[in-house]
């Protein structure tokens, strides 16, 4: 039997049917899909476990849930922070956190606004503090004096003074009630170690840098006289804040002002 060389050449170059390769690729895809599905199911099972069981299950080791179910759950106990810990945390967070930390050396704060007094009365309230340290002045005595002028037809004018005493608390706050008929009030502060006192500024002196506080104090010459609050006749609640001036802040002579 004779063969034609062209027929043999064409037989060798004829492409192989693709049916076999398609079946192999399909089988590989099925195997990969099955493996991926099994891995996802394993991850879901691990995610439902407790944090202590999950690392063990991820290594392929079986975990028994019997002991975990029988173990009682103990609630977390909150231990109050010790004062030293709170202070250390405030220092680490900076000056703002230290100001929020309740300490004995806190700066003076505004006094709370009181309720309106009864008819015919007027309330004076505020905070008293040292202008140098900005600390509240606790345990001070304030004397409020008022003058009421009463007159009737054909009768001379009669003055009826009324004196009230108020004390500052640990925050330097005070409150005193006076008659609303009095249009003049004089306040005397009894304090040792302070050469003078002034009505506080707006904004308060405690919010101003020390150099400017010293300058404003040096421009005044009424820090030794009784203080006289200003108010309108219809004002029944009068805020009146006072700053104490140490002797070292007072000018020595008028030329130094």
Protein backbone atom coordinates (compact mmCIF):
# COMPACT_ATOMS: atom_id res chain seq x y z
CA UNK A 1 0.00 0.00 0.00
CA UNK A 2 1.43 3.32 -1.02
CA UNK A 3 1.04 6.62 0.93
CA UNK A 4 1.09 10.00 -0.49
CA UNK A 5 3.58 12.22 1.35
CA UNK A 6 1.17 15.18 1.21
CA UNK A 7 -1.52 13.16 2.93
CA UNK A 8 0.88 12.23 5.75
CA UNK A 9 1.95 15.88 6.18
CA UNK A 10 -1.63 17.10 6.35
CA UNK A 11 -2.50 14.37 8.88
CA UNK A 12 0.29 15.50 11.23
CA UNK A 13 -0.68 19.16 11.02
CA UNK A 14 -4.42 18.56 11.47
CA UNK A 15 -5.49 20.17 14.85
CA UNK A 16 -6.53 17.93 17.72
CA UNK A 17 -10.24 17.98 18.59
CA UNK A 18 -10.96 20.43 21.48
CA UNK A 19 -13.51 18.35 23.27
CA UNK A 20 -10.98 16.79 25.67
CA UNK A 21 -9.48 20.13 26.78
CA UNK A 22 -12.92 21.60 27.51
CA UNK A 23 -13.77 18.71 29.82
CA UNK A 24 -10.51 19.14 31.71
CA UNK A 25 -11.06 22.88 32.18
CA UNK A 26 -14.62 22.28 33.39
CA UNK A 27 -13.41 19.73 35.94
CA UNK A 28 -10.77 22.16 37.26
CA UNK A 29 -13.36 24.93 37.60
CA UNK A 30 -15.71 22.66 39.54
CA UNK A 31 -12.90 21.64 41.89
CA UNK A 32 -11.85 25.24 42.52
CA UNK A 33 -15.45 26.29 43.16
CA UNK A 34 -15.98 23.48 45.63
CA UNK A 35 -12.81 24.40 47.50
CA UNK A 36 -13.80 28.09 47.68
CA UNK A 37 -17.26 27.23 48.99
CA UNK A 38 -15.76 24.97 51.67
CA UNK A 39 -13.37 27.76 52.76
CA UNK A 40 -16.22 30.30 53.03
CA UNK A 41 -18.23 27.90 55.18
CA UNK A 42 -15.19 27.45 57.42
CA UNK A 43 -14.78 31.21 57.84
CA UNK A 44 -18.45 31.64 58.79
CA UNK A 45 -18.11 28.94 61.43
CA UNK A 46 -15.01 30.60 62.89
CA UNK A 47 -16.69 34.04 63.00
CA UNK A 48 -19.50 32.63 65.17
CA UNK A 49 -17.03 31.34 67.75
CA UNK A 50 -15.72 33.22 70.77
CA UNK A 51 -12.45 35.14 70.46
CA UNK A 52 -10.68 32.44 72.46
CA UNK A 53 -11.93 29.60 70.19
CA UNK A 54 -11.40 31.32 66.83
CA UNK A 55 -7.55 31.08 66.66
CA UNK A 56 -7.68 27.38 67.57
CA UNK A 57 -10.37 26.61 64.98
CA UNK A 58 -8.45 28.49 62.31
CA UNK A 59 -5.61 25.99 62.75
CA UNK A 60 -7.98 23.11 62.02
CA UNK A 61 -8.27 21.88 65.61
CA UNK A 62 -11.73 20.90 66.82
CA UNK A 63 -13.10 22.97 69.68
CA UNK A 64 -15.50 21.68 72.30
CA UNK A 65 -18.25 24.10 73.30
CA UNK A 66 -19.41 22.09 76.30
CA UNK A 67 -17.03 23.67 78.79
CA UNK A 68 -17.69 27.18 77.47
CA UNK A 69 -21.44 26.77 77.81
CA UNK A 70 -21.14 25.48 81.38
CA UNK A 71 -18.86 28.34 82.49
CA UNK A 72 -20.84 31.18 84.10
CA UNK A 73 -20.47 34.63 82.59
CA UNK A 74 -18.90 37.07 85.06
CA UNK A 75 -19.82 40.74 84.38
CA UNK A 76 -17.06 43.30 84.10
CA UNK A 77 -16.30 45.15 87.32
CA UNK A 78 -15.64 48.88 86.98
CA UNK A 79 -12.93 50.00 89.40
CA UNK A 80 -13.00 53.74 90.21
CA UNK A 81 -9.84 55.53 89.18
CA UNK A 82 -7.59 56.64 92.02
CA UNK A 83 -6.98 60.39 92.44
CA UNK A 84 -3.31 59.96 91.52
CA UNK A 85 -4.30 58.24 88.29
CA UNK A 86 -6.75 61.04 87.42
CA UNK A 87 -4.10 63.68 88.09
CA UNK A 88 -1.54 61.85 85.97
CA UNK A 89 -4.02 61.58 83.09
CA UNK A 90 -4.77 65.31 83.33
CA UNK A 91 -1.08 66.17 83.15
CA UNK A 92 -0.64 63.90 80.14
CA UNK A 93 -3.56 65.56 78.31
CA UNK A 94 -2.28 69.10 78.77
CA UNK A 95 -3.36 72.32 80.54
CA UNK A 96 -6.99 72.14 79.34
CA UNK A 97 -7.51 68.79 81.06
CA UNK A 98 -5.83 70.07 84.24
CA UNK A 99 -8.31 72.98 84.42
CA UNK A 100 -11.21 70.50 84.23
CA UNK A 101 -9.75 68.41 87.08
CA UNK A 102 -11.34 69.44 90.41
CA UNK A 103 -8.50 70.60 92.64
CA UNK A 104 -8.09 72.93 95.56
CA UNK A 105 -6.24 75.45 93.40
CA UNK A 106 -8.92 75.98 90.75
CA UNK A 107 -9.43 79.48 89.39
CA UNK A 108 -12.47 81.53 90.31
CA UNK A 109 -15.62 80.97 88.27
CA UNK A 110 -18.75 83.14 87.79
CA UNK A 111 -21.43 82.80 90.43
CA UNK A 112 -24.72 81.19 89.38
CA UNK A 113 -27.55 83.61 88.62
CA UNK A 114 -30.11 83.55 91.46
CA UNK A 115 -33.87 83.65 91.12
CA UNK A 116 -35.69 86.97 91.28
CA UNK A 117 -36.33 88.19 94.85
CA UNK A 118 -39.63 89.05 96.42
CA UNK A 119 -41.31 92.33 95.57
CA UNK A 120 -39.59 95.31 97.15
CA UNK A 121 -36.21 93.57 97.40
CA UNK A 122 -33.04 93.60 95.29
CA UNK A 123 -30.37 90.88 95.16
CA UNK A 124 -26.64 91.45 94.76
CA UNK A 125 -24.50 88.44 93.91
CA UNK A 126 -21.09 87.64 92.44
CA UNK A 127 -17.63 86.21 92.97
CA UNK A 128 -14.68 87.63 94.92
CA UNK A 129 -11.15 86.58 93.90
CA UNK A 130 -7.51 87.61 94.04
CA UNK A 131 -6.42 89.56 90.97
CA UNK A 132 -2.85 88.18 91.15
CA UNK A 133 -3.57 84.46 91.57
CA UNK A 134 -7.12 84.43 90.09
CA UNK A 135 -8.10 82.12 92.97
CA UNK A 136 -11.44 82.55 94.79
CA UNK A 137 -11.43 84.35 98.14
CA UNK A 138 -13.28 82.12 100.60
CA UNK A 139 -14.54 83.12 104.04
CA UNK A 140 -14.62 86.88 103.44
CA UNK A 141 -17.18 89.18 104.99
CA UNK A 142 -18.94 91.80 102.85
CA UNK A 143 -20.93 94.63 104.44
CA UNK A 144 -23.67 96.11 102.23
CA UNK A 145 -25.09 99.44 103.39
CA UNK A 146 -28.15 101.08 101.87
CA UNK A 147 -29.89 104.40 102.38
CA UNK A 148 -33.66 104.83 102.00
CA UNK A 149 -35.07 108.34 101.87
CA UNK A 150 -38.59 108.56 103.24
CA UNK A 151 -40.54 111.79 103.23
CA UNK A 152 -44.12 112.87 103.63
CA UNK A 153 -45.88 116.21 103.08
CA UNK A 154 -44.91 118.69 105.72
CA UNK A 155 -42.34 116.34 107.25
CA UNK A 156 -38.53 116.44 106.91
CA UNK A 157 -36.73 113.76 104.99
CA UNK A 158 -35.70 110.79 107.10
CA UNK A 159 -32.89 108.44 106.11
CA UNK A 160 -33.20 104.82 107.13
CA UNK A 161 -29.97 102.94 106.60
CA UNK A 162 -30.00 99.18 106.35
CA UNK A 163 -26.86 97.06 106.68
CA UNK A 164 -26.59 93.47 105.55
CA UNK A 165 -23.62 91.13 105.93
CA UNK A 166 -22.69 88.43 103.43
CA UNK A 167 -19.93 85.82 103.44
CA UNK A 168 -18.15 84.16 100.52
CA UNK A 169 -18.19 80.37 100.23
CA UNK A 170 -15.34 78.10 99.12
CA UNK A 171 -15.87 79.19 95.51
CA UNK A 172 -15.72 82.88 96.47
CA UNK A 173 -19.44 83.33 95.73
CA UNK A 174 -21.79 85.47 97.78
CA UNK A 175 -25.42 86.62 97.72
CA UNK A 176 -27.17 89.35 99.68
CA UNK A 177 -30.67 90.81 99.57
CA UNK A 178 -31.29 94.53 100.02
CA UNK A 179 -34.38 96.78 99.84
CA UNK A 180 -35.20 97.92 96.32
CA UNK A 181 -36.03 101.45 97.52
CA UNK A 182 -32.37 102.16 98.21
CA UNK A 183 -30.77 103.93 95.28
CA UNK A 184 -27.31 104.00 96.86
CA UNK A 185 -25.30 100.99 98.03
CA UNK A 186 -21.86 100.98 99.66
CA UNK A 187 -19.86 97.75 99.96
CA UNK A 188 -16.98 97.25 102.38
CA UNK A 189 -14.81 94.12 102.08
CA UNK A 190 -13.14 92.86 105.24
CA UNK A 191 -9.96 91.09 104.14
CA UNK A 192 -6.43 90.82 105.48
CA UNK A 193 -3.34 90.85 103.30
CA UNK A 194 -4.95 92.84 100.49
CA UNK A 195 -4.26 96.52 100.04
CA UNK A 196 -7.33 97.25 97.94
CA UNK A 197 -10.35 96.01 96.06
CA UNK A 198 -12.09 96.92 92.83
CA UNK A 199 -15.25 96.06 90.98
CA UNK A 200 -14.33 93.52 88.33
CA UNK A 201 -14.04 94.55 84.70
CA UNK A 202 -15.88 93.31 81.63
CA UNK A 203 -14.34 91.07 80.39
CA UNK A 204 -13.22 89.83 83.82
CA UNK A 205 -9.65 90.50 84.87
CA UNK A 206 -9.04 86.78 85.37
CA UNK A 207 -9.37 86.35 81.59
CA UNK A 208 -6.71 88.97 80.85
CA UNK A 209 -2.91 88.36 80.85
CA UNK A 210 -1.06 89.39 84.00
CA UNK A 211 0.81 92.29 82.40
CA UNK A 212 -2.44 93.93 81.30
CA UNK A 213 -4.05 93.25 84.68
CA UNK A 214 -1.22 95.06 86.39
CA UNK A 215 -1.56 97.99 84.00
CA UNK A 216 -5.33 98.33 84.54
CA UNK A 217 -4.91 98.23 88.31
CA UNK A 218 -2.19 100.87 88.17
CA UNK A 219 -4.56 103.28 86.38
CA UNK A 220 -7.08 103.26 89.22
CA UNK A 221 -6.99 105.29 92.41
CA UNK A 222 -10.28 104.23 94.01
CA UNK A 223 -9.18 100.82 95.28
CA UNK A 224 -9.27 101.87 98.94
CA UNK A 225 -12.73 103.45 99.08
CA UNK A 226 -16.00 101.56 99.67
CA UNK A 227 -17.30 100.05 96.45
CA UNK A 228 -20.52 101.42 95.00
CA UNK A 229 -22.45 99.14 92.62
CA UNK A 230 -24.29 100.78 89.72
CA UNK A 231 -27.77 99.53 88.81
CA UNK A 232 -31.04 100.74 87.35
CA UNK A 233 -34.16 101.21 89.51
CA UNK A 234 -35.93 98.36 87.69
CA UNK A 235 -33.05 95.92 88.13
CA UNK A 236 -33.87 93.42 90.87
CA UNK A 237 -30.88 91.06 90.32
CA UNK A 238 -27.51 92.85 90.18
CA UNK A 239 -24.25 91.01 89.38
CA UNK A 240 -21.37 92.59 91.30
CA UNK A 241 -17.97 90.86 91.11
CA UNK A 242 -15.02 92.02 93.22
CA UNK A 243 -11.26 91.59 92.80
CA UNK A 244 -8.83 91.84 95.70
CA UNK A 245 -5.52 93.59 95.01
CA UNK A 246 -2.38 92.53 96.92
CA UNK A 247 -0.10 95.20 98.33
CA UNK A 248 2.63 94.28 95.85
CA UNK A 249 0.36 95.33 92.96
CA UNK A 250 -0.53 98.76 94.34
CA UNK A 251 1.42 101.82 93.16
CA UNK A 252 3.67 103.25 95.82
CA UNK A 253 3.24 106.89 94.82
CA UNK A 254 0.85 108.77 92.52
CA UNK A 255 3.68 109.26 89.99
CA UNK A 256 3.98 105.48 89.58
CA UNK A 257 0.39 105.22 88.32
